[in-house]
C-alpha atoms as a PDB file:
ATOM      1  CA  MET A   1     -41.286 -20.136 -42.031  1.00  0.00           C
ATOM      2  CA  GLU A   2     -40.637 -16.695 -40.646  1.00  0.00           C
ATOM      3  CA  GLU A   3     -37.130 -15.847 -39.317  1.00  0.00           C
ATOM      4  CA  TYR A   4     -36.840 -15.333 -35.559  1.00  0.00           C
ATOM      5  CA  TYR A   5     -35.240 -12.073 -34.239  1.00  0.00           C
ATOM      6  CA  PRO A   6     -34.626 -12.363 -30.498  1.00  0.00           C
ATOM      7  CA  SER A   7     -34.578  -9.284 -28.278  1.00  0.00           C
ATOM      8  CA  ARG A   8     -31.718  -8.392 -25.939  1.00  0.00           C
ATOM      9  CA  THR A   9     -33.423 -10.234 -23.058  1.00  0.00           C
ATOM     10  CA  GLU A  10     -34.126 -13.325 -25.179  1.00  0.00           C
ATOM     11  CA  LEU A  11     -30.555 -13.313 -26.512  1.00  0.00           C
ATOM     12  CA  ALA A  12     -29.233 -13.227 -22.942  1.00  0.00           C
ATOM     13  CA  GLN A  13     -31.406 -16.243 -22.093  1.00  0.00           C
ATOM     14  CA  LEU A  14     -30.372 -18.167 -25.229  1.00  0.00           C
ATOM     15  CA  PHE A  15     -26.629 -17.715 -24.564  1.00  0.00           C
ATOM     16  CA  ASP A  16     -26.905 -17.858 -20.773  1.00  0.00           C
ATOM     17  CA  TRP A  17     -25.535 -14.315 -20.480  1.00  0.00           C
ATOM     18  CA  THR A  18     -26.571 -11.461 -18.256  1.00  0.00           C
ATOM     19  CA  LEU A  19     -28.037  -8.294 -19.774  1.00  0.00           C
ATOM     20  CA  PRO A  20     -24.867  -6.327 -18.901  1.00  0.00           C
ATOM     21  CA  THR A  21     -22.839  -8.981 -20.791  1.00  0.00           C
ATOM     22  CA  VAL A  22     -25.007  -8.462 -23.864  1.00  0.00           C
ATOM     23  CA  ASP A  23     -24.545  -4.681 -23.602  1.00  0.00           C
ATOM     24  CA  TYR A  24     -20.782  -5.068 -23.071  1.00  0.00           C
ATOM     25  CA  ASN A  25     -20.476  -7.338 -26.109  1.00  0.00           C
ATOM     26  CA  ILE A  26     -22.406  -4.806 -28.206  1.00  0.00           C
ATOM     27  CA  ARG A  27     -20.259  -1.861 -27.079  1.00  0.00           C
ATOM     28  CA  HIS A  28     -16.813  -3.468 -26.851  1.00  0.00           C
ATOM     29  CA  HIS A  29     -16.789  -6.564 -29.031  1.00  0.00           C
ATOM     30  CA  GLY A  30     -19.091  -5.660 -31.922  1.00  0.00           C
ATOM     31  CA  LEU A  31     -22.008  -8.006 -31.218  1.00  0.00           C
ATOM     32  CA  PRO A  32     -24.140  -7.399 -34.336  1.00  0.00           C
ATOM     33  CA  ILE A  33     -27.581  -5.845 -33.959  1.00  0.00           C
ATOM     34  CA  TYR A  34     -30.001  -6.562 -36.772  1.00  0.00           C
ATOM     35  CA  LYS A  35     -32.348  -3.706 -35.917  1.00  0.00           C
ATOM     36  CA  LYS A  36     -31.672  -1.075 -33.252  1.00  0.00           C
ATOM     37  CA  GLY A  37     -34.516  -0.500 -30.863  1.00  0.00           C
ATOM     38  CA  SER A  38     -36.023   2.891 -30.211  1.00  0.00           C
ATOM     39  CA  ARG A  39     -38.932   4.432 -28.317  1.00  0.00           C
ATOM     40  CA  GLY A  40     -39.666   1.381 -26.195  1.00  0.00           C
ATOM     41  CA  LYS A  41     -38.971  -1.132 -28.953  1.00  0.00           C
ATOM     42  CA  PRO A  42     -36.095  -3.518 -28.086  1.00  0.00           C
ATOM     43  CA  HIS A  43     -33.059  -4.254 -30.260  1.00  0.00           C
ATOM     44  CA  GLN A  44     -33.519  -7.194 -32.597  1.00  0.00           C
ATOM     45  CA  PHE A  45     -30.741  -9.662 -33.325  1.00  0.00           C
ATOM     46  CA  ARG A  46     -30.432 -12.043 -36.262  1.00  0.00           C
ATOM     47  CA  LEU A  47     -29.487 -15.391 -34.731  1.00  0.00           C
ATOM     48  CA  PRO A  48     -27.215 -16.660 -37.565  1.00  0.00           C
ATOM     49  CA  ASP A  49     -25.224 -13.387 -37.383  1.00  0.00           C
ATOM     50  CA  VAL A  50     -24.904 -13.639 -33.605  1.00  0.00           C
ATOM     51  CA  ILE A  51     -23.789 -17.296 -33.792  1.00  0.00           C
ATOM     52  CA  ALA A  52     -21.158 -16.447 -36.439  1.00  0.00           C
ATOM     53  CA  TRP A  53     -19.969 -13.468 -34.327  1.00  0.00           C
ATOM     54  CA  TYR A  54     -19.808 -15.701 -31.232  1.00  0.00           C
ATOM     55  CA  ALA A  55     -17.698 -18.321 -33.046  1.00  0.00           C
ATOM     56  CA  GLN A  56     -15.262 -15.620 -34.219  1.00  0.00           C
ATOM     57  CA  HIS A  57     -15.199 -14.059 -30.743  1.00  0.00           C
ATOM     58  CA  ILE A  58     -14.321 -17.401 -29.103  1.00  0.00           C
ATOM     59  CA  ALA A  59     -11.648 -18.112 -31.757  1.00  0.00           C
ATOM     60  CA  LYS A  60     -10.137 -14.650 -31.220  1.00  0.00           C
ATOM     61  CA  GLN A  61     -10.039 -15.220 -27.446  1.00  0.00           C
ATOM     62  CA  SER A  62      -8.164 -18.509 -27.841  1.00  0.00           C
ATOM     63  CA  VAL A  63      -5.536 -16.803 -30.047  1.00  0.00           C
ATOM     64  CA  THR A  64      -5.224 -14.020 -27.461  1.00  0.00           C
ATOM     65  CA  THR A  65      -4.839 -16.599 -24.697  1.00  0.00           C
ATOM     66  CA  GLU A  66      -2.091 -18.374 -26.664  1.00  0.00           C
ATOM     67  CA  GLY A  67      -0.386 -15.034 -27.277  1.00  0.00           C
ATOM     68  CA  THR A  68      -0.628 -14.373 -23.566  1.00  0.00           C
ATOM     69  CA  ALA A  69       0.911 -17.757 -22.730  1.00  0.00           C
ATOM     70  CA  GLN A  70       3.747 -17.051 -25.159  1.00  0.00           C
ATOM     71  CA  GLU A  71       4.229 -13.616 -23.578  1.00  0.00           C
ATOM     72  CA  LEU A  72       4.302 -15.207 -20.113  1.00  0.00           C
ATOM     73  CA  ARG A  73       6.998 -17.660 -21.232  1.00  0.00           C
ATOM     74  CA  ARG A  74       9.034 -14.789 -22.660  1.00  0.00           C
ATOM     75  CA  ARG A  75       8.672 -12.770 -19.448  1.00  0.00           C
ATOM     76  CA  LYS A  76       9.630 -15.781 -17.295  1.00  0.00           C
ATOM     77  CA  LEU A  77      12.752 -16.335 -19.390  1.00  0.00           C
ATOM     78  CA  ALA A  78      13.651 -12.644 -19.049  1.00  0.00           C
ATOM     79  CA  ALA A  79      13.104 -12.809 -15.255  1.00  0.00           C
ATOM     80  CA  ASP A  80      15.238 -15.972 -14.960  1.00  0.00           C
ATOM     81  CA  THR A  81      17.998 -14.309 -16.990  1.00  0.00           C
ATOM     82  CA  ALA A  82      17.889 -11.160 -14.842  1.00  0.00           C
ATOM     83  CA  SER A  83      18.013 -13.268 -11.669  1.00  0.00           C
ATOM     84  CA  ALA A  84      21.041 -15.226 -12.937  1.00  0.00           C
ATOM     85  CA  GLU A  85      22.793 -11.970 -13.863  1.00  0.00           C
ATOM     86  CA  LEU A  86      22.153 -10.553 -10.377  1.00  0.00           C
ATOM     87  CA  ASP A  87      23.501 -13.729  -8.750  1.00  0.00           C
ATOM     88  CA  LEU A  88      26.622 -13.502 -10.913  1.00  0.00           C
ATOM     89  CA  ALA A  89      27.106  -9.822 -10.015  1.00  0.00           C
ATOM     90  CA  VAL A  90      26.885 -10.709  -6.306  1.00  0.00           C
ATOM     91  CA  LYS A  91      29.435 -13.506  -6.721  1.00  0.00           C
ATOM     92  CA  ARG A  92      31.795 -11.152  -8.548  1.00  0.00           C
ATOM     93  CA  GLY A  93      31.441  -8.628  -5.730  1.00  0.00           C
ATOM     94  CA  GLU A  94      29.882  -6.063  -8.065  1.00  0.00           C
ATOM     95  CA  LEU A  95      26.632  -6.056  -6.119  1.00  0.00           C
ATOM     96  CA  GLY A  96      25.801  -6.507  -2.454  1.00  0.00           C
ATOM     97  CA  TYR A  97      22.823  -7.297  -0.312  1.00  0.00           C
ATOM     98  CA  ILE A  98      21.064  -4.271   1.146  1.00  0.00           C
ATOM     99  CA  ALA A  99      21.332  -5.598   4.704  1.00  0.00           C
ATOM    100  CA  ASP A 100      25.100  -6.025   4.287  1.00  0.00           C
ATOM    101  CA  ILE A 101      25.516  -2.531   2.887  1.00  0.00           C
ATOM    102  CA  GLU A 102      23.381  -1.071   5.678  1.00  0.00           C
ATOM    103  CA  ARG A 103      25.493  -2.913   8.242  1.00  0.00           C
ATOM    104  CA  ALA A 104      28.694  -1.478   6.726  1.00  0.00           C
ATOM    105  CA  GLN A 105      27.238   2.039   6.656  1.00  0.00           C
ATOM    106  CA  ILE A 106      26.115   1.774  10.280  1.00  0.00           C
ATOM    107  CA  SER A 107      29.567   0.545  11.261  1.00  0.00           C
ATOM    108  CA  GLU A 108      31.177   3.473   9.444  1.00  0.00           C
ATOM    109  CA  ALA A 109      28.740   5.954  11.034  1.00  0.00           C
ATOM    110  CA  ILE A 110      29.589   4.592  14.494  1.00  0.00           C
ATOM    111  CA  GLU A 111      33.295   4.923  13.681  1.00  0.00           C
ATOM    112  CA  ILE A 112      32.775   8.552  12.633  1.00  0.00           C
ATOM    113  CA  LYS A 113      30.752   9.277  15.759  1.00  0.00           C
ATOM    114  CA  HIS A 114      33.458   7.853  18.026  1.00  0.00           C
ATOM    115  CA  ALA A 115      36.205   9.790  16.229  1.00  0.00           C
ATOM    116  CA  VAL A 116      34.302  13.085  16.450  1.00  0.00           C
ATOM    117  CA  MET A 117      33.311  12.488  20.089  1.00  0.00           C
ATOM    118  CA  ALA A 118      36.998  11.921  20.937  1.00  0.00           C
ATOM    119  CA  VAL A 119      38.049  15.337  19.571  1.00  0.00           C
ATOM    120  CA  PRO A 120      37.385  17.293  22.812  1.00  0.00           C
ATOM    121  CA  ALA A 121      39.412  14.793  24.847  1.00  0.00           C
ATOM    122  CA  ARG A 122      42.301  15.010  22.343  1.00  0.00           C
ATOM    123  CA  ALA A 123      42.238  18.794  22.141  1.00  0.00           C
ATOM    124  CA  ALA A 124      41.600  19.628  25.818  1.00  0.00           C
ATOM    125  CA  PRO A 125      45.190  19.256  27.022  1.00  0.00           C
ATOM    126  CA  LEU A 126      46.419  21.363  24.104  1.00  0.00           C
ATOM    127  CA  VAL A 127      44.081  24.308  24.731  1.00  0.00           C
ATOM    128  CA  ASP A 128      44.280  24.580  28.516  1.00  0.00           C
ATOM    129  CA  GLY A 129      44.572  28.294  29.220  1.00  0.00           C
ATOM    130  CA  ALA A 130      44.892  29.220  25.522  1.00  0.00           C
ATOM    131  CA  ASP A 131      43.149  32.090  23.753  1.00  0.00           C
ATOM    132  CA  ALA A 132      40.103  31.591  21.471  1.00  0.00           C
ATOM    133  CA  ALA A 133      42.147  31.581  18.238  1.00  0.00           C
ATOM    134  CA  THR A 134      44.480  28.855  19.542  1.00  0.00           C
ATOM    135  CA  ILE A 135      41.536  26.782  20.784  1.00  0.00           C
ATOM    136  CA  ARG A 136      39.886  27.070  17.347  1.00  0.00           C
ATOM    137  CA  ILE A 137      43.081  26.043  15.564  1.00  0.00           C
ATOM    138  CA  GLU A 138      43.613  23.043  17.879  1.00  0.00           C
ATOM    139  CA  PHE A 139      40.005  21.861  17.514  1.00  0.00           C
ATOM    140  CA  GLU A 140      40.206  22.151  13.710  1.00  0.00           C
ATOM    141  CA  ARG A 141      43.480  20.198  13.732  1.00  0.00           C
ATOM    142  CA  ALA A 142      42.003  17.512  16.006  1.00  0.00           C
ATOM    143  CA  LEU A 143      38.852  17.253  13.825  1.00  0.00           C
ATOM    144  CA  ASN A 144      40.915  17.067  10.624  1.00  0.00           C
ATOM    145  CA  GLU A 145      43.099  14.398  12.200  1.00  0.00           C
ATOM    146  CA  ALA A 146      40.039  12.369  13.278  1.00  0.00           C
ATOM    147  CA  LEU A 147      38.443  12.684   9.854  1.00  0.00           C
ATOM    148  CA  SER A 148      41.730  11.743   8.139  1.00  0.00           C
ATOM    149  CA  GLU A 149      41.940   8.589  10.271  1.00  0.00           C
ATOM    150  CA  ILE A 150      38.391   7.683   9.246  1.00  0.00           C
ATOM    151  CA  ALA A 151      39.112   8.314   5.547  1.00  0.00           C
ATOM    152  CA  VAL A 152      42.200   6.080   5.653  1.00  0.00           C
ATOM    153  CA  ALA A 153      40.505   3.329   7.669  1.00  0.00           C
ATOM    154  CA  GLU A 154      39.332   0.349   5.629  1.00  0.00           C
ATOM    155  CA  PRO A 155      35.545  -0.068   5.474  1.00  0.00           C
ATOM    156  CA  ALA A 156      34.144  -2.731   7.772  1.00  0.00           C
ATOM    157  CA  LEU A 157      33.536  -5.256   5.009  1.00  0.00           C
ATOM    158  CA  ASP A 158      35.513  -8.279   6.266  1.00  0.00           C
ATOM    159  CA  GLY A 159      32.522  -9.677   8.180  1.00  0.00           C
ATOM    160  CA  ILE A 160      30.177  -8.828   5.344  1.00  0.00           C
ATOM    161  CA  GLU A 161      32.235 -10.818   2.817  1.00  0.00           C
ATOM    162  CA  LYS A 162      32.085 -13.830   5.151  1.00  0.00           C
ATOM    163  CA  ASP A 163      28.294 -13.386   5.539  1.00  0.00           C
ATOM    164  CA  ILE A 164      27.846 -13.291   1.755  1.00  0.00           C
ATOM    165  CA  GLN A 165      29.924 -16.443   1.312  1.00  0.00           C
ATOM    166  CA  SER A 166      27.897 -18.289   3.977  1.00  0.00           C
ATOM    167  CA  GLN A 167      24.614 -17.139   2.352  1.00  0.00           C
ATOM    168  CA  GLU A 168      25.823 -18.427  -1.029  1.00  0.00           C
ATOM    169  CA  LYS A 169      26.794 -21.781   0.505  1.00  0.00           C
ATOM    170  CA  GLY A 170      23.370 -22.006   2.166  1.00  0.00           C
ATOM    171  CA  ALA A 171      21.636 -21.211  -1.122  1.00  0.00           C
ATOM    172  CA  LYS A 172      23.664 -23.895  -2.953  1.00  0.00           C
ATOM    173  CA  ALA A 173      22.896 -26.449  -0.247  1.00  0.00           C
ATOM    174  CA  ALA A 174      19.180 -25.664  -0.451  1.00  0.00           C
ATOM    175  CA  ALA A 175      19.161 -26.030  -4.270  1.00  0.00           C
END
């Protein structure tokens, strides 16, 4: 009995593949060609070689899938560890929530704005009828005084600390 050498089209039908799948497996996965086609003659495949290749290909995919599952478990463990470390840093006060930090910065910016806007009212009585040099000196003094008050003032974190504690209690209650 003569051995059968299917063409690319016949191979696709035998394995229920599309022609692009056959081409992809040839180019990227080493699907063995018995005889390369040329000048209108199609490739020929030796069926026992293709079946052996297919068995190895499937076995290799299952090992890759297992490796992928193991990698996913490792990544999940790393993510869980990072999440626990972040939670601990928040509890220790080493890290804050962005919304809380934004709220504190906005509060500080408003405080600065009010202090700077109050400078003309503070300096006006001192410069009434004074020359330009005196006015400049008084405004600089009033600005420095306002900025010194801001620098000494405690940041507006009291409310933020309470918000963080209530968020932690809510998270514990939900868990």
